[in-house]
Amino acid sequence: MNAYELSKLLVDEYSAKILTYAKNRPRSVQDMCRQLNIPTTLGYRRVNILVSQGLLSCEGKALTRAGKWTRLYLSQVRRAFIFFDGGRVRLRCELNTGQIKSSEDWVASASVF
């Protein structure tokens, strides 16, 4: 993803809720969807995207009351910065591991404005 797409992902209402809710302890998608009032299908989609971008990680599994295994996810984002620099959108994420991820630059085309 480029900086523009990542910034949209981070400020998306559901992504922001998921990353915030799973900040301090691992949560299942079902728990996140129930507590945050997110449609289940949308919750799974957002979790998969956040995992693919390294912003959320699978921290293990837990047994549900129904006797099924479910994955638990933990937010990896400590801080995120979105800023404009010389006509470019830039994104910088500080992860819980101390790693800093910077996105590639995105230059807006004239058709965006």
PDB file of N, CA and C in Angstrom:
ATOM      1  N   MET A   1       0.842  -1.190   0.000  1.00  0.00           N
ATOM      2  CA  MET A   1       0.000   0.000   0.000  1.00  0.00           C
ATOM      3  C   MET A   1       0.877   1.240   0.000  1.00  0.00           C
ATOM      4  N   ASN A   2       0.383   2.270  -0.653  1.00  0.00           N
ATOM      5  CA  ASN A   2       1.114   3.530  -0.601  1.00  0.00           C
ATOM      6  C   ASN A   2       0.605   4.372   0.571  1.00  0.00           C
ATOM      7  N   ALA A   3       1.235   5.527   0.773  1.00  0.00           N
ATOM      8  CA  ALA A   3       0.912   6.376   1.926  1.00  0.00           C
ATOM      9  C   ALA A   3      -0.552   6.797   1.939  1.00  0.00           C
ATOM     10  N   TYR A   4      -1.088   7.117   0.777  1.00  0.00           N
ATOM     11  CA  TYR A   4      -2.479   7.545   0.701  1.00  0.00           C
ATOM     12  C   TYR A   4      -3.419   6.421   1.149  1.00  0.00           C
ATOM     13  N   GLU A   5      -3.216   5.212   0.629  1.00  0.00           N
ATOM     14  CA  GLU A   5      -4.064   4.076   0.996  1.00  0.00           C
ATOM     15  C   GLU A   5      -3.914   3.724   2.474  1.00  0.00           C
ATOM     16  N   LEU A   6      -2.676   3.749   2.982  1.00  0.00           N
ATOM     17  CA  LEU A   6      -2.457   3.459   4.402  1.00  0.00           C
ATOM     18  C   LEU A   6      -3.115   4.500   5.293  1.00  0.00           C
ATOM     19  N   SER A   7      -3.035   5.765   4.901  1.00  0.00           N
ATOM     20  CA  SER A   7      -3.664   6.806   5.715  1.00  0.00           C
ATOM     21  C   SER A   7      -5.178   6.621   5.745  1.00  0.00           C
ATOM     22  N   LYS A   8      -5.767   6.246   4.602  1.00  0.00           N
ATOM     23  CA  LYS A   8      -7.209   5.974   4.572  1.00  0.00           C
ATOM     24  C   LYS A   8      -7.553   4.794   5.477  1.00  0.00           C
ATOM     25  N   LEU A   9      -6.696   3.773   5.484  1.00  0.00           N
ATOM     26  CA  LEU A   9      -6.926   2.605   6.330  1.00  0.00           C
ATOM     27  C   LEU A   9      -6.878   2.985   7.810  1.00  0.00           C
ATOM     28  N   LEU A  10      -5.895   3.785   8.198  1.00  0.00           N
ATOM     29  CA  LEU A  10      -5.749   4.161   9.600  1.00  0.00           C
ATOM     30  C   LEU A  10      -6.876   5.037  10.114  1.00  0.00           C
ATOM     31  N   VAL A  11      -7.412   5.900   9.266  1.00  0.00           N
ATOM     32  CA  VAL A  11      -8.483   6.791   9.719  1.00  0.00           C
ATOM     33  C   VAL A  11      -9.875   6.219   9.458  1.00  0.00           C
ATOM     34  N   ASP A  12      -9.928   5.058   8.834  1.00  0.00           N
ATOM     35  CA  ASP A  12     -11.202   4.372   8.653  1.00  0.00           C
ATOM     36  C   ASP A  12     -11.805   4.081  10.027  1.00  0.00           C
ATOM     37  N   GLU A  13     -13.082   4.353  10.190  1.00  0.00           N
ATOM     38  CA  GLU A  13     -13.746   4.198  11.483  1.00  0.00           C
ATOM     39  C   GLU A  13     -13.550   2.808  12.079  1.00  0.00           C
ATOM     40  N   TYR A  14     -13.741   1.773  11.282  1.00  0.00           N
ATOM     41  CA  TYR A  14     -13.656   0.412  11.799  1.00  0.00           C
ATOM     42  C   TYR A  14     -12.219   0.001  12.104  1.00  0.00           C
ATOM     43  N   SER A  15     -11.294   0.374  11.244  1.00  0.00           N
ATOM     44  CA  SER A  15      -9.886   0.048  11.493  1.00  0.00           C
ATOM     45  C   SER A  15      -9.399   0.725  12.769  1.00  0.00           C
ATOM     46  N   ALA A  16      -9.750   1.994  12.933  1.00  0.00           N
ATOM     47  CA  ALA A  16      -9.333   2.730  14.126  1.00  0.00           C
ATOM     48  C   ALA A  16      -9.912   2.091  15.388  1.00  0.00           C
ATOM     49  N   LYS A  17     -11.180   1.683  15.334  1.00  0.00           N
ATOM     50  CA  LYS A  17     -11.796   1.024  16.486  1.00  0.00           C
ATOM     51  C   LYS A  17     -11.088  -0.290  16.811  1.00  0.00           C
ATOM     52  N   ILE A  18     -10.793  -1.078  15.781  1.00  0.00           N
ATOM     53  CA  ILE A  18     -10.139  -2.375  15.978  1.00  0.00           C
ATOM     54  C   ILE A  18      -8.755  -2.183  16.576  1.00  0.00           C
ATOM     55  N   LEU A  19      -7.963  -1.278  16.009  1.00  0.00           N
ATOM     56  CA  LEU A  19      -6.605  -1.056  16.508  1.00  0.00           C
ATOM     57  C   LEU A  19      -6.603  -0.537  17.945  1.00  0.00           C
ATOM     58  N   THR A  20      -7.569   0.287  18.274  1.00  0.00           N
ATOM     59  CA  THR A  20      -7.664   0.821  19.632  1.00  0.00           C
ATOM     60  C   THR A  20      -8.132  -0.249  20.619  1.00  0.00           C
ATOM     61  N   TYR A  21      -9.133  -1.010  20.241  1.00  0.00           N
ATOM     62  CA  TYR A  21      -9.699  -2.032  21.133  1.00  0.00           C
ATOM     63  C   TYR A  21      -8.708  -3.163  21.409  1.00  0.00           C
ATOM     64  N   ALA A  22      -7.895  -3.491  20.421  1.00  0.00           N
ATOM     65  CA  ALA A  22      -6.936  -4.597  20.578  1.00  0.00           C
ATOM     66  C   ALA A  22      -5.550  -4.090  20.981  1.00  0.00           C
ATOM     67  N   LYS A  23      -5.485  -2.911  21.561  1.00  0.00           N
ATOM     68  CA  LYS A  23      -4.200  -2.316  21.911  1.00  0.00           C
ATOM     69  C   LYS A  23      -3.534  -2.974  23.115  1.00  0.00           C
ATOM     70  N   ASN A  24      -4.290  -3.245  24.158  1.00  0.00           N
ATOM     71  CA  ASN A  24      -3.693  -3.715  25.411  1.00  0.00           C
ATOM     72  C   ASN A  24      -3.711  -5.224  25.618  1.00  0.00           C
ATOM     73  N   ARG A  25      -4.615  -5.899  24.926  1.00  0.00           N
ATOM     74  CA  ARG A  25      -4.645  -7.362  25.047  1.00  0.00           C
ATOM     75  C   ARG A  25      -5.251  -7.962  23.784  1.00  0.00           C
ATOM     76  N   PRO A  26      -4.853  -9.181  23.469  1.00  0.00           N
ATOM     77  CA  PRO A  26      -5.355  -9.830  22.248  1.00  0.00           C
ATOM     78  C   PRO A  26      -6.868 -10.039  22.305  1.00  0.00           C
ATOM     79  N   ARG A  27      -7.504  -9.829  21.162  1.00  0.00           N
ATOM     80  CA  ARG A  27      -8.964  -9.957  21.054  1.00  0.00           C
ATOM     81  C   ARG A  27      -9.320 -10.804  19.839  1.00  0.00           C
ATOM     82  N   SER A  28     -10.436 -11.484  19.925  1.00  0.00           N
ATOM     83  CA  SER A  28     -10.923 -12.242  18.772  1.00  0.00           C
ATOM     84  C   SER A  28     -11.738 -11.316  17.877  1.00  0.00           C
ATOM     85  N   VAL A  29     -11.869 -11.686  16.626  1.00  0.00           N
ATOM     86  CA  VAL A  29     -12.663 -10.881  15.695  1.00  0.00           C
ATOM     87  C   VAL A  29     -14.114 -10.834  16.165  1.00  0.00           C
ATOM     88  N   GLN A  30     -14.623 -11.977  16.640  1.00  0.00           N
ATOM     89  CA  GLN A  30     -16.010 -12.018  17.112  1.00  0.00           C
ATOM     90  C   GLN A  30     -16.221 -11.041  18.272  1.00  0.00           C
ATOM     91  N   ASP A  31     -15.269 -10.997  19.205  1.00  0.00           N
ATOM     92  CA  ASP A  31     -15.361 -10.087  20.346  1.00  0.00           C
ATOM     93  C   ASP A  31     -15.310  -8.640  19.882  1.00  0.00           C
ATOM     94  N   MET A  32     -14.387  -8.332  18.971  1.00  0.00           N
ATOM     95  CA  MET A  32     -14.278  -6.965  18.459  1.00  0.00           C
ATOM     96  C   MET A  32     -15.576  -6.535  17.788  1.00  0.00           C
ATOM     97  N   CYS A  33     -16.107  -7.394  16.941  1.00  0.00           N
ATOM     98  CA  CYS A  33     -17.334  -7.058  16.215  1.00  0.00           C
ATOM     99  C   CYS A  33     -18.507  -6.846  17.168  1.00  0.00           C
ATOM    100  N   ARG A  34     -18.612  -7.697  18.156  1.00  0.00           N
ATOM    101  CA  ARG A  34     -19.714  -7.591  19.119  1.00  0.00           C
ATOM    102  C   ARG A  34     -19.579  -6.314  19.965  1.00  0.00           C
ATOM    103  N   GLN A  35     -18.412  -6.068  20.511  1.00  0.00           N
ATOM    104  CA  GLN A  35     -18.210  -4.925  21.400  1.00  0.00           C
ATOM    105  C   GLN A  35     -18.202  -3.585  20.672  1.00  0.00           C
ATOM    106  N   LEU A  36     -17.734  -3.586  19.424  1.00  0.00           N
ATOM    107  CA  LEU A  36     -17.583  -2.338  18.683  1.00  0.00           C
ATOM    108  C   LEU A  36     -18.705  -2.083  17.690  1.00  0.00           C
ATOM    109  N   ASN A  37     -19.672  -3.000  17.655  1.00  0.00           N
ATOM    110  CA  ASN A  37     -20.813  -2.881  16.754  1.00  0.00           C
ATOM    111  C   ASN A  37     -20.369  -2.782  15.289  1.00  0.00           C
ATOM    112  N   ILE A  38     -19.516  -3.736  14.899  1.00  0.00           N
ATOM    113  CA  ILE A  38     -19.011  -3.828  13.529  1.00  0.00           C
ATOM    114  C   ILE A  38     -19.621  -5.074  12.895  1.00  0.00           C
ATOM    115  N   PRO A  39     -20.143  -4.977  11.686  1.00  0.00           N
ATOM    116  CA  PRO A  39     -20.646  -6.176  11.009  1.00  0.00           C
ATOM    117  C   PRO A  39     -19.531  -7.222  10.900  1.00  0.00           C
ATOM    118  N   THR A  40     -19.863  -8.484  11.143  1.00  0.00           N
ATOM    119  CA  THR A  40     -18.863  -9.546  11.210  1.00  0.00           C
ATOM    120  C   THR A  40     -18.020  -9.667   9.947  1.00  0.00           C
ATOM    121  N   THR A  41     -18.651  -9.676   8.794  1.00  0.00           N
ATOM    122  CA  THR A  41     -17.902  -9.807   7.544  1.00  0.00           C
ATOM    123  C   THR A  41     -16.923  -8.657   7.379  1.00  0.00           C
ATOM    124  N   LEU A  42     -17.375  -7.448   7.670  1.00  0.00           N
ATOM    125  CA  LEU A  42     -16.517  -6.274   7.575  1.00  0.00           C
ATOM    126  C   LEU A  42     -15.372  -6.355   8.586  1.00  0.00           C
ATOM    127  N   GLY A  43     -15.672  -6.844   9.781  1.00  0.00           N
ATOM    128  CA  GLY A  43     -14.634  -7.004  10.802  1.00  0.00           C
ATOM    129  C   GLY A  43     -13.531  -7.945  10.352  1.00  0.00           C
ATOM    130  N   TYR A  44     -13.909  -9.085   9.773  1.00  0.00           N
ATOM    131  CA  TYR A  44     -12.903 -10.030   9.267  1.00  0.00           C
ATOM    132  C   TYR A  44     -12.077  -9.414   8.139  1.00  0.00           C
ATOM    133  N   ARG A  45     -12.733  -8.669   7.254  1.00  0.00           N
ATOM    134  CA  ARG A  45     -12.006  -8.026   6.154  1.00  0.00           C
ATOM    135  C   ARG A  45     -10.972  -7.035   6.685  1.00  0.00           C
ATOM    136  N   ARG A  46     -11.407  -6.183   7.619  1.00  0.00           N
ATOM    137  CA  ARG A  46     -10.489  -5.178   8.170  1.00  0.00           C
ATOM    138  C   ARG A  46      -9.332  -5.850   8.913  1.00  0.00           C
ATOM    139  N   VAL A  47      -9.629  -6.865   9.694  1.00  0.00           N
ATOM    140  CA  VAL A  47      -8.568  -7.572  10.422  1.00  0.00           C
ATOM    141  C   VAL A  47      -7.562  -8.160   9.437  1.00  0.00           C
ATOM    142  N   ASN A  48      -8.026  -8.801   8.380  1.00  0.00           N
ATOM    143  CA  ASN A  48      -7.113  -9.380   7.387  1.00  0.00           C
ATOM    144  C   ASN A  48      -6.232  -8.317   6.732  1.00  0.00           C
ATOM    145  N   ILE A  49      -6.803  -7.171   6.418  1.00  0.00           N
ATOM    146  CA  ILE A  49      -6.016  -6.086   5.815  1.00  0.00           C
ATOM    147  C   ILE A  49      -4.995  -5.557   6.821  1.00  0.00           C
ATOM    148  N   LEU A  50      -5.418  -5.329   8.053  1.00  0.00           N
ATOM    149  CA  LEU A  50      -4.510  -4.814   9.082  1.00  0.00           C
ATOM    150  C   LEU A  50      -3.369  -5.789   9.361  1.00  0.00           C
ATOM    151  N   VAL A  51      -3.667  -7.089   9.347  1.00  0.00           N
ATOM    152  CA  VAL A  51      -2.620  -8.106   9.534  1.00  0.00           C
ATOM    153  C   VAL A  51      -1.653  -8.076   8.353  1.00  0.00           C
ATOM    154  N   SER A  52      -2.181  -7.986   7.146  1.00  0.00           N
ATOM    155  CA  SER A  52      -1.321  -7.995   5.955  1.00  0.00           C
ATOM    156  C   SER A  52      -0.383  -6.793   5.918  1.00  0.00           C
ATOM    157  N   GLN A  53      -0.770  -5.702   6.556  1.00  0.00           N
ATOM    158  CA  GLN A  53       0.065  -4.496   6.586  1.00  0.00           C
ATOM    159  C   GLN A  53       0.954  -4.426   7.831  1.00  0.00           C
ATOM    160  N   GLY A  54       0.867  -5.437   8.699  1.00  0.00           N
ATOM    161  CA  GLY A  54       1.709  -5.476   9.896  1.00  0.00           C
ATOM    162  C   GLY A  54       1.229  -4.586  11.027  1.00  0.00           C
ATOM    163  N   LEU A  55      -0.005  -4.092  10.932  1.00  0.00           N
ATOM    164  CA  LEU A  55      -0.537  -3.219  11.963  1.00  0.00           C
ATOM    165  C   LEU A  55      -1.271  -3.981  13.066  1.00  0.00           C
ATOM    166  N   LEU A  56      -1.577  -5.228  12.800  1.00  0.00           N
ATOM    167  CA  LEU A  56      -2.256  -6.123  13.734  1.00  0.00           C
ATOM    168  C   LEU A  56      -1.577  -7.473  13.591  1.00  0.00           C
ATOM    169  N   SER A  57      -1.405  -8.192  14.692  1.00  0.00           N
ATOM    170  CA  SER A  57      -0.762  -9.509  14.591  1.00  0.00           C
ATOM    171  C   SER A  57      -1.578 -10.561  15.333  1.00  0.00           C
ATOM    172  N   CYS A  58      -1.489 -11.779  14.849  1.00  0.00           N
ATOM    173  CA  CYS A  58      -2.151 -12.900  15.505  1.00  0.00           C
ATOM    174  C   CYS A  58      -1.253 -13.331  16.665  1.00  0.00           C
ATOM    175  N   GLU A  59      -1.804 -13.324  17.858  1.00  0.00           N
ATOM    176  CA  GLU A  59      -1.034 -13.624  19.060  1.00  0.00           C
ATOM    177  C   GLU A  59      -1.349 -14.985  19.659  1.00  0.00           C
ATOM    178  N   GLY A  60      -2.146 -15.782  18.971  1.00  0.00           N
ATOM    179  CA  GLY A  60      -2.479 -17.097  19.489  1.00  0.00           C
ATOM    180  C   GLY A  60      -3.927 -17.451  19.226  1.00  0.00           C
ATOM    181  N   LYS A  61      -4.374 -18.486  19.916  1.00  0.00           N
ATOM    182  CA  LYS A  61      -5.749 -18.961  19.757  1.00  0.00           C
ATOM    183  C   LYS A  61      -6.378 -19.159  21.131  1.00  0.00           C
ATOM    184  N   ALA A  62      -7.706 -19.135  21.130  1.00  0.00           N
ATOM    185  CA  ALA A  62      -8.467 -19.390  22.355  1.00  0.00           C
ATOM    186  C   ALA A  62      -9.664 -20.251  22.002  1.00  0.00           C
ATOM    187  N   LEU A  63     -10.090 -21.023  22.958  1.00  0.00           N
ATOM    188  CA  LEU A  63     -11.255 -21.879  22.787  1.00  0.00           C
ATOM    189  C   LEU A  63     -12.502 -21.092  23.171  1.00  0.00           C
ATOM    190  N   THR A  64     -13.498 -21.074  22.275  1.00  0.00           N
ATOM    191  CA  THR A  64     -14.737 -20.358  22.553  1.00  0.00           C
ATOM    192  C   THR A  64     -15.648 -21.220  23.432  1.00  0.00           C
ATOM    193  N   ARG A  65     -16.724 -20.635  23.909  1.00  0.00           N
ATOM    194  CA  ARG A  65     -17.701 -21.387  24.710  1.00  0.00           C
ATOM    195  C   ARG A  65     -18.351 -22.495  23.906  1.00  0.00           C
ATOM    196  N   ALA A  66     -18.399 -22.304  22.581  1.00  0.00           N
ATOM    197  CA  ALA A  66     -18.998 -23.303  21.698  1.00  0.00           C
ATOM    198  C   ALA A  66     -18.020 -24.431  21.375  1.00  0.00           C
ATOM    199  N   GLY A  67     -16.807 -24.353  21.911  1.00  0.00           N
ATOM    200  CA  GLY A  67     -15.826 -25.406  21.691  1.00  0.00           C
ATOM    201  C   GLY A  67     -15.026 -25.270  20.405  1.00  0.00           C
ATOM    202  N   LYS A  68     -15.043 -24.083  19.812  1.00  0.00           N
ATOM    203  CA  LYS A  68     -14.283 -23.846  18.580  1.00  0.00           C
ATOM    204  C   LYS A  68     -13.075 -22.959  18.896  1.00  0.00           C
ATOM    205  N   TRP A  69     -12.028 -23.132  18.091  1.00  0.00           N
ATOM    206  CA  TRP A  69     -10.843 -22.310  18.249  1.00  0.00           C
ATOM    207  C   TRP A  69     -11.012 -21.016  17.469  1.00  0.00           C
ATOM    208  N   THR A  70     -10.561 -19.920  18.055  1.00  0.00           N
ATOM    209  CA  THR A  70     -10.598 -18.622  17.394  1.00  0.00           C
ATOM    210  C   THR A  70      -9.247 -17.933  17.589  1.00  0.00           C
ATOM    211  N   ARG A  71      -8.826 -17.206  16.605  1.00  0.00           N
ATOM    212  CA  ARG A  71      -7.551 -16.489  16.683  1.00  0.00           C
ATOM    213  C   ARG A  71      -7.714 -15.193  17.481  1.00  0.00           C
ATOM    214  N   LEU A  72      -6.640 -14.812  18.153  1.00  0.00           N
ATOM    215  CA  LEU A  72      -6.613 -13.582  18.935  1.00  0.00           C
ATOM    216  C   LEU A  72      -5.623 -12.611  18.296  1.00  0.00           C
ATOM    217  N   TYR A  73      -6.035 -11.360  18.163  1.00  0.00           N
ATOM    218  CA  TYR A  73      -5.231 -10.351  17.482  1.00  0.00           C
ATOM    219  C   TYR A  73      -4.885  -9.205  18.418  1.00  0.00           C
ATOM    220  N   LEU A  74      -3.664  -8.685  18.230  1.00  0.00           N
ATOM    221  CA  LEU A  74      -3.165  -7.584  19.047  1.00  0.00           C
ATOM    222  C   LEU A  74      -2.672  -6.466  18.135  1.00  0.00           C
ATOM    223  N   SER A  75      -3.039  -5.233  18.469  1.00  0.00           N
ATOM    224  CA  SER A  75      -2.584  -4.076  17.703  1.00  0.00           C
ATOM    225  C   SER A  75      -1.077  -3.928  17.856  1.00  0.00           C
ATOM    226  N   GLN A  76      -0.411  -3.600  16.767  1.00  0.00           N
ATOM    227  CA  GLN A  76       1.036  -3.382  16.783  1.00  0.00           C
ATOM    228  C   GLN A  76       1.388  -1.901  16.695  1.00  0.00           C
ATOM    229  N   VAL A  77       0.387  -1.036  16.609  1.00  0.00           N
ATOM    230  CA  VAL A  77       0.621   0.396  16.416  1.00  0.00           C
ATOM    231  C   VAL A  77       0.727   1.111  17.763  1.00  0.00           C
ATOM    232  N   ARG A  78       1.877   1.724  17.981  1.00  0.00           N
ATOM    233  CA  ARG A  78       2.044   2.584  19.157  1.00  0.00           C
ATOM    234  C   ARG A  78       1.618   4.008  18.806  1.00  0.00           C
ATOM    235  N   ARG A  79       2.128   4.500  17.668  1.00  0.00           N
ATOM    236  CA  ARG A  79       1.792   5.838  17.179  1.00  0.00           C
ATOM    237  C   ARG A  79       1.774   5.820  15.662  1.00  0.00           C
ATOM    238  N   ALA A  80       0.950   6.680  15.092  1.00  0.00           N
ATOM    239  CA  ALA A  80       0.931   6.831  13.633  1.00  0.00           C
ATOM    240  C   ALA A  80       0.850   8.315  13.313  1.00  0.00           C
ATOM    241  N   PHE A  81       1.626   8.712  12.324  1.00  0.00           N
ATOM    242  CA  PHE A  81       1.656  10.104  11.890  1.00  0.00           C
ATOM    243  C   PHE A  81       1.373  10.155  10.396  1.00  0.00           C
ATOM    244  N   ILE A  82       0.451  11.017  10.015  1.00  0.00           N
ATOM    245  CA  ILE A  82       0.161  11.263   8.604  1.00  0.00           C
ATOM    246  C   ILE A  82       0.469  12.736   8.385  1.00  0.00           C
ATOM    247  N   PHE A  83       1.315  13.022   7.409  1.00  0.00           N
ATOM    248  CA  PHE A  83       1.665  14.415   7.184  1.00  0.00           C
ATOM    249  C   PHE A  83       1.930  14.687   5.712  1.00  0.00           C
ATOM    250  N   PHE A  84       1.871  15.965   5.365  1.00  0.00           N
ATOM    251  CA  PHE A  84       2.138  16.413   4.008  1.00  0.00           C
ATOM    252  C   PHE A  84       3.521  17.045   3.991  1.00  0.00           C
ATOM    253  N   ASP A  85       4.285  16.718   2.964  1.00  0.00           N
ATOM    254  CA  ASP A  85       5.642  17.239   2.855  1.00  0.00           C
ATOM    255  C   ASP A  85       5.944  17.507   1.388  1.00  0.00           C
ATOM    256  N   GLY A  86       5.994  18.761   1.021  1.00  0.00           N
ATOM    257  CA  GLY A  86       6.306  19.124  -0.355  1.00  0.00           C
ATOM    258  C   GLY A  86       5.328  18.557  -1.367  1.00  0.00           C
ATOM    259  N   GLY A  87       4.050  18.547  -1.051  1.00  0.00           N
ATOM    260  CA  GLY A  87       3.041  18.042  -1.972  1.00  0.00           C
ATOM    261  C   GLY A  87       2.882  16.538  -1.947  1.00  0.00           C
ATOM    262  N   ARG A  88       3.499  15.890  -1.005  1.00  0.00           N
ATOM    263  CA  ARG A  88       3.407  14.430  -0.893  1.00  0.00           C
ATOM    264  C   ARG A  88       2.761  14.045   0.438  1.00  0.00           C
ATOM    265  N   VAL A  89       2.001  12.971   0.417  1.00  0.00           N
ATOM    266  CA  VAL A  89       1.439  12.412   1.642  1.00  0.00           C
ATOM    267  C   VAL A  89       2.448  11.414   2.177  1.00  0.00           C
ATOM    268  N   ARG A  90       2.766  11.534   3.439  1.00  0.00           N
ATOM    269  CA  ARG A  90       3.705  10.598   4.066  1.00  0.00           C
ATOM    270  C   ARG A  90       3.059  10.006   5.311  1.00  0.00           C
ATOM    271  N   LEU A  91       3.478   8.813   5.630  1.00  0.00           N
ATOM    272  CA  LEU A  91       2.936   8.114   6.786  1.00  0.00           C
ATOM    273  C   LEU A  91       4.088   7.477   7.542  1.00  0.00           C
ATOM    274  N   ARG A  92       4.048   7.596   8.850  1.00  0.00           N
ATOM    275  CA  ARG A  92       5.074   6.989   9.695  1.00  0.00           C
ATOM    276  C   ARG A  92       4.372   6.295  10.853  1.00  0.00           C
ATOM    277  N   CYS A  93       4.661   5.011  11.040  1.00  0.00           N
ATOM    278  CA  CYS A  93       4.078   4.235  12.134  1.00  0.00           C
ATOM    279  C   CYS A  93       5.181   3.752  13.062  1.00  0.00           C
ATOM    280  N   GLU A  94       5.001   3.987  14.336  1.00  0.00           N
ATOM    281  CA  GLU A  94       5.882   3.423  15.343  1.00  0.00           C
ATOM    282  C   GLU A  94       5.157   2.205  15.913  1.00  0.00           C
ATOM    283  N   LEU A  95       5.777   1.055  15.795  1.00  0.00           N
ATOM    284  CA  LEU A  95       5.164  -0.186  16.259  1.00  0.00           C
ATOM    285  C   LEU A  95       5.576  -0.485  17.689  1.00  0.00           C
ATOM    286  N   ASN A  96       4.848  -1.367  18.337  1.00  0.00           N
ATOM    287  CA  ASN A  96       5.145  -1.755  19.714  1.00  0.00           C
ATOM    288  C   ASN A  96       6.533  -2.361  19.863  1.00  0.00           C
ATOM    289  N   THR A  97       7.057  -2.927  18.789  1.00  0.00           N
ATOM    290  CA  THR A  97       8.380  -3.545  18.819  1.00  0.00           C
ATOM    291  C   THR A  97       9.492  -2.511  18.785  1.00  0.00           C
ATOM    292  N   GLY A  98       9.143  -1.236  18.566  1.00  0.00           N
ATOM    293  CA  GLY A  98      10.136  -0.187  18.433  1.00  0.00           C
ATOM    294  C   GLY A  98      10.491   0.094  16.982  1.00  0.00           C
ATOM    295  N   GLN A  99      10.059  -0.776  16.094  1.00  0.00           N
ATOM    296  CA  GLN A  99      10.316  -0.591  14.666  1.00  0.00           C
ATOM    297  C   GLN A  99       9.506   0.596  14.150  1.00  0.00           C
ATOM    298  N   ILE A 100      10.105   1.332  13.223  1.00  0.00           N
ATOM    299  CA  ILE A 100       9.414   2.452  12.585  1.00  0.00           C
ATOM    300  C   ILE A 100       9.205   2.097  11.125  1.00  0.00           C
ATOM    301  N   LYS A 101       7.943   2.113  10.703  1.00  0.00           N
ATOM    302  CA  LYS A 101       7.604   1.826   9.306  1.00  0.00           C
ATOM    303  C   LYS A 101       7.199   3.123   8.642  1.00  0.00           C
ATOM    304  N   SER A 102       7.863   3.449   7.543  1.00  0.00           N
ATOM    305  CA  SER A 102       7.501   4.621   6.751  1.00  0.00           C
ATOM    306  C   SER A 102       6.944   4.153   5.419  1.00  0.00           C
ATOM    307  N   SER A 103       5.917   4.814   4.980  1.00  0.00           N
ATOM    308  CA  SER A 103       5.308   4.425   3.709  1.00  0.00           C
ATOM    309  C   SER A 103       6.031   5.086   2.556  1.00  0.00           C
ATOM    310  N   GLU A 104       5.752   4.568   1.401  1.00  0.00           N
ATOM    311  CA  GLU A 104       6.284   5.223   0.208  1.00  0.00           C
ATOM    312  C   GLU A 104       5.549   6.530   0.007  1.00  0.00           C
ATOM    313  N   ASP A 105       6.126   7.431  -0.729  1.00  0.00           N
ATOM    314  CA  ASP A 105       5.489   8.725  -0.979  1.00  0.00           C
ATOM    315  C   ASP A 105       4.386   8.567  -2.014  1.00  0.00           C
ATOM    316  N   TRP A 106       3.377   9.379  -1.872  1.00  0.00           N
ATOM    317  CA  TRP A 106       2.271   9.387  -2.834  1.00  0.00           C
ATOM    318  C   TRP A 106       2.074  10.811  -3.304  1.00  0.00           C
ATOM    319  N   VAL A 107       2.141  11.033  -4.568  1.00  0.00           N
ATOM    320  CA  VAL A 107       1.932  12.360  -5.149  1.00  0.00           C
ATOM    321  C   VAL A 107       0.538  12.371  -5.758  1.00  0.00           C
ATOM    322  N   ALA A 108      -0.275  13.295  -5.318  1.00  0.00           N
ATOM    323  CA  ALA A 108      -1.648  13.380  -5.809  1.00  0.00           C
ATOM    324  C   ALA A 108      -1.656  13.832  -7.263  1.00  0.00           C
ATOM    325  N   SER A 109      -2.444  13.168  -8.057  1.00  0.00           N
ATOM    326  CA  SER A 109      -2.596  13.582  -9.446  1.00  0.00           C
ATOM    327  C   SER A 109      -3.604  14.719  -9.508  1.00  0.00           C
ATOM    328  N   ALA A 110      -3.613  15.429 -10.602  1.00  0.00           N
ATOM    329  CA  ALA A 110      -4.522  16.573 -10.760  1.00  0.00           C
ATOM    330  C   ALA A 110      -5.980  16.147 -10.704  1.00  0.00           C
ATOM    331  N   SER A 111      -6.272  14.904 -11.077  1.00  0.00           N
ATOM    332  CA  SER A 111      -7.655  14.429 -11.100  1.00  0.00           C
ATOM    333  C   SER A 111      -8.221  14.236  -9.695  1.00  0.00           C
ATOM    334  N   VAL A 112      -7.363  14.104  -8.678  1.00  0.00           N
ATOM    335  CA  VAL A 112      -7.831  13.920  -7.295  1.00  0.00           C
ATOM    336  C   VAL A 112      -8.461  15.204  -6.774  1.00  0.00           C
ATOM    337  N   PHE A 113      -7.927  16.341  -7.211  1.00  0.00           N
ATOM    338  CA  PHE A 113      -8.417  17.630  -6.731  1.00  0.00           C
ATOM    339  C   PHE A 113      -9.471  18.099  -7.666  1.00  0.00           C
TER     340      PHE A 113
END
